[in-house]
C-alpha cells in the first residue's frame, strides 16, 4: 500500500510540475505576441498614403487650390448634330458656349508655392497657363472648321502645320485620358459588329465645374475658340 501511495504521490508531483512549465510557456508566448502587436499597429498608422497624380502634377497628397476641381459624374453619351453642322450661326454659338471667357487661360499668383514641373518658369511674378481641356476643344474645332472650309474649296485658311499639331495633340490627349467605358455591341446593330458609341454610360469629370473655375481664374476677356 505504501509503495502504491508513493507512486501516486510521484505522479501527482510530475503532473504538477508539467502544468507549471506549460503555464509558464503559455504566459511567455502571450507576452511575446503582445509585444509584437503594438509594433504592427504603429506601422499601420504611420504608413503614408499613396500619392495620386492630379492635373499634370507628378504626385500630390491633396488637391491644390490653384488647380481646377476634379469632380466626377456619370454621363450618357448622345448625338448632338449641331456640333457637326457648318460652323456658322447657332452651330458656331454652340461651340463658343464650350469655351469660358479667357479661352481657358488662367493666372496663378506668385504667392502660391508651385512644384517643379516641365514648362514652368519660376522666376516670373505670376504664372499663366491654359487648362488643357479647352486647348483640346480648340483643336477639335479647328479640324472641324477645316473640314467645312475644304468642302467650300478653301484649303489654305488653316495652315497645315496647325492641323498636324492638333491631330497629334488630340491623339495624345485621348490616349492620356484612356476612357475604358464599355460600348456594348449587339448583333442587330447596323452595321453589325460595330457601335455608334451613343447610349452608353461614362464616368466623366464635371465639365461645368471646370468651366466655372477657368472663367473665374482668367486673366483676359477673350471670347473665341479659333
Protein backbone atom coordinates (compact mmCIF):
# COMPACT_ATOMS: atom_id res chain seq x y z
CA UNK A 1 0.00 0.00 0.00
CA UNK A 2 2.79 2.34 0.95
CA UNK A 3 4.60 1.68 -2.39
CA UNK A 4 1.41 2.46 -4.32
CA UNK A 5 0.92 5.66 -2.35
CA UNK A 6 4.44 6.73 -3.15
CA UNK A 7 3.86 6.10 -6.87
CA UNK A 8 0.66 8.16 -6.80
CA UNK A 9 2.44 10.98 -5.00
CA UNK A 10 5.29 10.89 -7.54
CA UNK A 11 2.86 11.00 -10.48
CA UNK A 12 0.97 13.88 -8.89
CA UNK A 13 4.21 15.79 -8.39
CA UNK A 14 5.27 15.21 -12.02
CA UNK A 15 1.88 16.40 -13.32
CA UNK A 16 2.02 19.47 -11.12
CA UNK A 17 5.49 20.37 -12.40
CA UNK A 18 4.36 19.78 -16.02
CA UNK A 19 1.36 22.07 -15.52
CA UNK A 20 3.60 24.79 -14.10
CA UNK A 21 6.01 24.52 -17.05
CA UNK A 22 3.14 24.53 -19.58
CA UNK A 23 1.58 27.55 -17.89
CA UNK A 24 4.88 29.40 -17.98
CA UNK A 25 5.28 28.67 -21.70
CA UNK A 26 1.77 29.94 -22.46
CA UNK A 27 2.37 33.16 -20.50
CA UNK A 28 5.68 33.75 -22.30
CA UNK A 29 4.05 33.21 -25.70
CA UNK A 30 1.20 35.58 -24.84
CA UNK A 31 3.61 38.31 -23.73
CA UNK A 32 5.66 37.88 -26.90
CA UNK A 33 2.58 38.29 -29.10
CA UNK A 34 1.52 41.38 -27.13
CA UNK A 35 4.92 42.97 -27.68
CA UNK A 36 4.75 42.40 -31.45
CA UNK A 37 1.19 43.66 -31.86
CA UNK A 38 1.82 47.33 -30.93
CA UNK A 39 4.71 47.48 -33.40
CA UNK A 40 2.45 46.24 -36.21
CA UNK A 41 -0.31 48.63 -35.15
CA UNK A 42 2.12 51.54 -35.09
CA UNK A 43 3.42 50.75 -38.56
CA UNK A 44 -0.12 50.57 -39.88
CA UNK A 45 -0.89 54.11 -38.73
CA UNK A 46 2.47 55.51 -39.80
CA UNK A 47 2.07 54.25 -43.37
CA UNK A 48 1.96 57.22 -45.73
CA UNK A 49 -0.99 57.50 -48.13
CA UNK A 50 -0.19 56.69 -51.73
CA UNK A 51 0.11 59.97 -53.66
CA UNK A 52 -2.01 60.33 -56.79
CA UNK A 53 -1.37 62.35 -59.96
CA UNK A 54 -3.68 65.37 -60.32
CA UNK A 55 -3.82 67.99 -63.04
CA UNK A 56 -0.43 67.16 -64.53
CA UNK A 57 1.37 67.17 -61.18
CA UNK A 58 3.88 64.35 -60.59
CA UNK A 59 2.28 63.20 -57.31
CA UNK A 60 0.31 65.03 -54.62
CA UNK A 61 -1.42 64.05 -51.39
CA UNK A 62 -4.28 66.57 -51.65
CA UNK A 63 -5.88 68.80 -54.28
CA UNK A 64 -4.11 72.19 -54.56
CA UNK A 65 -6.30 75.31 -54.62
CA UNK A 66 -4.64 76.57 -57.79
CA UNK A 67 -5.74 73.58 -59.87
CA UNK A 68 -9.20 73.12 -61.43
CA UNK A 69 -11.63 70.94 -59.45
CA UNK A 70 -11.74 67.22 -60.17
CA UNK A 71 -15.36 66.30 -59.55
CA UNK A 72 -16.87 63.23 -61.18
CA UNK A 73 -20.30 62.38 -62.53
CA UNK A 74 -21.99 59.82 -64.75
CA UNK A 75 -22.90 60.82 -68.31
CA UNK A 76 -24.77 59.01 -71.10
CA UNK A 77 -23.31 59.89 -74.50
CA UNK A 78 -25.93 61.03 -77.03
CA UNK A 79 -25.71 62.51 -80.52
CA UNK A 80 -25.87 66.34 -80.79
CA UNK A 81 -25.92 67.04 -84.51
CA UNK A 82 -25.44 70.79 -84.10
CA UNK A 83 -21.73 70.22 -83.35
CA UNK A 84 -21.31 68.68 -86.81
CA UNK A 85 -23.17 71.33 -88.79
CA UNK A 86 -21.42 74.10 -90.73
CA UNK A 87 -19.74 76.40 -88.16
CA UNK A 88 -21.94 79.45 -88.67
CA UNK A 89 -24.87 80.88 -86.74
CA UNK A 90 -26.24 78.63 -83.99
CA UNK A 91 -23.64 75.92 -84.67
CA UNK A 92 -20.78 78.38 -84.13
CA UNK A 93 -22.52 79.67 -80.99
CA UNK A 94 -22.84 76.11 -79.67
CA UNK A 95 -19.08 75.61 -79.99
CA UNK A 96 -18.36 79.02 -78.46
CA UNK A 97 -20.51 78.11 -75.45
CA UNK A 98 -18.00 75.36 -74.61
CA UNK A 99 -15.19 77.89 -74.07
CA UNK A 100 -15.13 80.16 -70.98
CA UNK A 101 -14.19 83.84 -71.04
CA UNK A 102 -10.43 83.98 -71.28
CA UNK A 103 -10.35 80.98 -73.66
CA UNK A 104 -9.29 78.71 -70.79
CA UNK A 105 -6.15 80.71 -69.96
CA UNK A 106 -5.76 81.22 -66.21
CA UNK A 107 -3.39 83.02 -63.84
CA UNK A 108 -1.63 81.69 -60.74
CA UNK A 109 -0.26 84.43 -58.47
CA UNK A 110 3.30 84.27 -57.19
CA UNK A 111 2.16 83.79 -53.57
CA UNK A 112 1.28 80.21 -54.50
CA UNK A 113 4.08 77.69 -54.00
CA UNK A 114 4.39 75.62 -57.16
CA UNK A 115 6.28 72.35 -57.61
CA UNK A 116 8.96 71.73 -60.21
CA UNK A 117 7.12 70.84 -63.40
CA UNK A 118 8.12 70.72 -67.08
CA UNK A 119 7.49 74.05 -68.80
CA UNK A 120 7.16 76.05 -65.56
CA UNK A 121 9.35 79.17 -65.19
CA UNK A 122 9.56 80.03 -61.51
CA UNK A 123 11.21 83.50 -61.64
CA UNK A 124 8.12 85.11 -63.17
CA UNK A 125 5.97 87.19 -60.80
CA UNK A 126 2.88 85.23 -61.79
CA UNK A 127 2.24 82.12 -63.84
CA UNK A 128 -0.10 81.87 -66.82
CA UNK A 129 -1.47 78.56 -68.08
CA UNK A 130 -4.16 77.08 -70.29
CA UNK A 131 -6.45 74.40 -68.89
CA UNK A 132 -5.79 71.51 -71.29
CA UNK A 133 -9.42 70.61 -71.96
CA UNK A 134 -10.03 73.98 -73.62
CA UNK A 135 -6.90 73.61 -75.75
CA UNK A 136 -8.27 70.22 -76.80
CA UNK A 137 -11.67 71.69 -77.69
CA UNK A 138 -9.93 74.43 -79.68
CA UNK A 139 -8.01 71.80 -81.66
CA UNK A 140 -11.13 69.75 -82.29
CA UNK A 141 -12.92 72.87 -83.53
CA UNK A 142 -10.01 73.73 -85.84
CA UNK A 143 -10.13 70.32 -87.54
CA UNK A 144 -13.93 70.54 -87.79
CA UNK A 145 -13.71 74.04 -89.32
CA UNK A 146 -11.01 72.85 -91.74
CA UNK A 147 -13.37 70.15 -92.99
CA UNK A 148 -16.07 72.68 -93.79
CA UNK A 149 -13.53 75.03 -95.37
CA UNK A 150 -12.33 72.19 -97.60
CA UNK A 151 -15.89 71.41 -98.65
CA UNK A 152 -16.19 75.03 -99.78
CA UNK A 153 -12.90 74.78 -101.69
CA UNK A 154 -10.85 76.73 -99.14
CA UNK A 155 -7.82 74.61 -98.36
CA UNK A 156 -5.44 77.28 -97.10
CA UNK A 157 -7.46 79.12 -94.43
CA UNK A 158 -5.98 76.93 -91.69
CA UNK A 159 -2.23 76.24 -92.04
CA UNK A 160 -1.36 72.52 -92.42
CA UNK A 161 1.13 72.71 -89.53
CA UNK A 162 -1.71 73.85 -87.24
CA UNK A 163 -3.80 70.86 -88.26
CA UNK A 164 -0.87 68.46 -87.83
CA UNK A 165 -0.28 69.90 -84.35
CA UNK A 166 -3.95 69.48 -83.45
CA UNK A 167 -4.26 65.92 -84.73
CA UNK A 168 -1.27 64.72 -82.74
CA UNK A 169 -2.24 66.76 -79.68
CA UNK A 170 -5.73 65.24 -79.73
CA UNK A 171 -4.28 61.76 -80.26
CA UNK A 172 -2.13 62.09 -77.17
CA UNK A 173 -4.97 63.66 -75.16
CA UNK A 174 -7.34 60.79 -75.95
CA UNK A 175 -4.70 58.19 -75.10
CA UNK A 176 -3.86 60.04 -71.88
CA UNK A 177 -7.49 60.15 -70.72
CA UNK A 178 -7.88 56.46 -71.51
CA UNK A 179 -11.68 56.17 -71.31
CA UNK A 180 -12.29 52.48 -70.59
CA UNK A 181 -16.09 52.59 -70.65
CA UNK A 182 -17.65 49.59 -72.40
CA UNK A 183 -19.72 50.25 -75.52
CA UNK A 184 -21.77 47.09 -75.98
CA UNK A 185 -22.10 45.52 -79.42
CA UNK A 186 -25.40 43.86 -80.43
CA UNK A 187 -25.99 41.60 -83.40
CA UNK A 188 -28.92 43.76 -84.54
CA UNK A 189 -26.77 46.91 -84.76
CA UNK A 190 -26.24 48.43 -88.18
CA UNK A 191 -23.63 47.79 -89.38
CA UNK A 192 -23.40 44.56 -87.39
CA UNK A 193 -20.44 44.09 -85.08
CA UNK A 194 -19.84 47.83 -84.67
CA UNK A 195 -21.03 50.51 -82.26
CA UNK A 196 -22.10 54.13 -82.63
CA UNK A 197 -20.96 54.95 -79.10
CA UNK A 198 -24.32 56.51 -78.24
CA UNK A 199 -26.40 55.47 -75.24
CA UNK A 200 -23.55 54.15 -73.12
CA UNK A 201 -22.52 55.25 -69.64
CA UNK A 202 -19.22 57.05 -68.95
CA UNK A 203 -17.64 58.37 -65.76
CA UNK A 204 -16.64 61.95 -66.57
CA UNK A 205 -15.08 64.95 -64.91
CA UNK A 206 -17.63 67.66 -64.17
CA UNK A 207 -17.18 69.94 -67.18
CA UNK A 208 -19.37 72.70 -65.71
CA UNK A 209 -17.19 72.90 -62.59
CA UNK A 210 -14.01 73.12 -64.71
CA UNK A 211 -15.63 75.76 -66.96
CA UNK A 212 -16.66 77.95 -63.99
CA UNK A 213 -13.25 77.61 -62.33
CA UNK A 214 -11.37 78.57 -65.51
CA UNK A 215 -13.59 81.58 -66.09
CA UNK A 216 -13.18 82.82 -62.52
CA UNK A 217 -9.36 82.50 -62.76
CA UNK A 218 -8.98 84.05 -66.23
CA UNK A 219 -6.56 86.87 -66.95
CA UNK A 220 -8.06 88.03 -70.27
CA UNK A 221 -11.56 88.73 -71.53
CA UNK A 222 -11.06 86.87 -74.82
CA UNK A 223 -14.16 85.08 -76.09
CA UNK A 224 -13.22 82.86 -79.03
CA UNK A 225 -12.49 79.26 -79.94
CA UNK A 226 -10.50 79.54 -83.18
